[in-house]
C-alpha atoms as a PDB file:
ATOM      1  CA  MET A   1       0.011   0.089   0.096  1.00  0.00           C
ATOM      2  CA  THR A   2       1.502   3.200  -1.076  1.00  0.00           C
ATOM      3  CA  PHE A   3       0.717   6.483   0.859  1.00  0.00           C
ATOM      4  CA  THR A   4       1.889   9.817  -0.388  1.00  0.00           C
ATOM      5  CA  ILE A   5       1.458  13.166   1.282  1.00  0.00           C
ATOM      6  CA  SER A   6       2.722  16.672  -0.071  1.00  0.00           C
ATOM      7  CA  ALA A   7       5.799  17.887   1.434  1.00  0.00           C
ATOM      8  CA  VAL A   8       4.549  21.145   1.754  1.00  0.00           C
ATOM      9  CA  LEU A   9       1.625  19.982   4.077  1.00  0.00           C
ATOM     10  CA  LEU A  10       4.065  17.698   5.961  1.00  0.00           C
ATOM     11  CA  PHE A  11       6.410  20.738   6.950  1.00  0.00           C
ATOM     12  CA  GLY A  12       3.472  23.088   7.225  1.00  0.00           C
ATOM     13  CA  THR A  13       1.695  21.249   9.854  1.00  0.00           C
ATOM     14  CA  GLY A  14       5.256  20.669  11.565  1.00  0.00           C
ATOM     15  CA  SER A  15       5.948  24.198  11.444  1.00  0.00           C
ATOM     16  CA  PHE A  16       2.871  24.977  12.954  1.00  0.00           C
ATOM     17  CA  PHE A  17       3.587  22.853  15.827  1.00  0.00           C
ATOM     18  CA  VAL A  18       7.089  24.195  16.396  1.00  0.00           C
ATOM     19  CA  LEU A  19       5.858  27.489  16.256  1.00  0.00           C
ATOM     20  CA  LYS A  20       3.110  26.587  18.606  1.00  0.00           C
ATOM     21  CA  SER A  21       5.366  24.857  20.951  1.00  0.00           C
ATOM     22  CA  LYS A  22       8.151  27.455  21.025  1.00  0.00           C
ATOM     23  CA  SER A  23      10.753  25.066  20.683  1.00  0.00           C
ATOM     24  CA  ALA A  24      14.292  26.403  19.261  1.00  0.00           C
ATOM     25  CA  GLY A  25      16.337  23.387  18.514  1.00  0.00           C
ATOM     26  CA  ALA A  26      18.369  22.100  15.536  1.00  0.00           C
ATOM     27  CA  GLY A  27      15.237  19.744  14.424  1.00  0.00           C
ATOM     28  CA  ALA A  28      12.709  22.814  14.593  1.00  0.00           C
ATOM     29  CA  ALA A  29      15.332  24.940  12.379  1.00  0.00           C
ATOM     30  CA  MET A  30      15.257  21.825   9.681  1.00  0.00           C
ATOM     31  CA  VAL A  31      11.520  21.764   9.678  1.00  0.00           C
ATOM     32  CA  LEU A  32      11.057  25.559   9.267  1.00  0.00           C
ATOM     33  CA  PHE A  33      13.679  25.350   6.497  1.00  0.00           C
ATOM     34  CA  LEU A  34      12.205  22.636   4.511  1.00  0.00           C
ATOM     35  CA  PHE A  35       8.711  24.067   4.791  1.00  0.00           C
ATOM     36  CA  GLY A  36       9.985  27.627   3.391  1.00  0.00           C
ATOM     37  CA  PHE A  37      12.385  25.823   0.715  1.00  0.00           C
ATOM     38  CA  PHE A  38       9.038  23.314  -0.503  1.00  0.00           C
ATOM     39  CA  THR A  39       6.858  26.329  -0.365  1.00  0.00           C
ATOM     40  CA  ALA A  40       9.148  28.937  -2.410  1.00  0.00           C
ATOM     41  CA  GLY A  41      10.533  26.020  -4.762  1.00  0.00           C
ATOM     42  CA  THR A  42      14.070  27.733  -5.377  1.00  0.00           C
ATOM     43  CA  GLY A  43      16.538  26.724  -7.652  1.00  0.00           C
ATOM     44  CA  ALA A  44      18.128  24.198  -5.080  1.00  0.00           C
ATOM     45  CA  TYR A  45      14.948  22.248  -5.593  1.00  0.00           C
ATOM     46  CA  GLU A  46      16.722  19.165  -7.175  1.00  0.00           C
ATOM     47  CA  PRO A  47      19.363  18.277  -4.843  1.00  0.00           C
ATOM     48  CA  ILE A  48      17.476  19.019  -1.772  1.00  0.00           C
ATOM     49  CA  THR A  49      14.322  17.090  -3.052  1.00  0.00           C
ATOM     50  CA  ASN A  50      16.805  13.847  -3.592  1.00  0.00           C
ATOM     51  CA  LEU A  51      18.040  14.302  -0.279  1.00  0.00           C
ATOM     52  CA  VAL A  52      14.532  14.611   1.533  1.00  0.00           C
ATOM     53  CA  LYS A  53      13.684  11.384  -0.663  1.00  0.00           C
ATOM     54  CA  SER A  54      16.666   9.477   0.252  1.00  0.00           C
ATOM     55  CA  ALA A  55      15.881  10.063   3.849  1.00  0.00           C
ATOM     56  CA  ALA A  56      12.376   8.910   3.430  1.00  0.00           C
ATOM     57  CA  ALA A  57      13.308   5.964   1.761  1.00  0.00           C
ATOM     58  CA  ALA A  58      15.680   4.985   4.382  1.00  0.00           C
ATOM     59  CA  VAL A  59      13.125   5.506   7.139  1.00  0.00           C
ATOM     60  CA  THR A  60      10.650   3.482   5.071  1.00  0.00           C
ATOM     61  CA  ASP A  61      13.459   0.596   4.585  1.00  0.00           C
ATOM     62  CA  ILE A  62      14.280   0.536   8.259  1.00  0.00           C
ATOM     63  CA  ALA A  63      10.456   0.370   9.022  1.00  0.00           C
ATOM     64  CA  GLU A  64      10.155  -2.898   6.973  1.00  0.00           C
END
């Protein structure tokens, strides 16, 4: 079974909770960066998208 979710939706939700909880750490900074990046779709889109896809595939492989 395949489950697909938009990166903007995922990181937007994460950003909401980061800002709501007022947390300030490396993980929070990464969530906010990725949300802004996927929302803007800058020229660095390809390498960062590949990195996020690889990380998602690694998490999926670990879960199996």
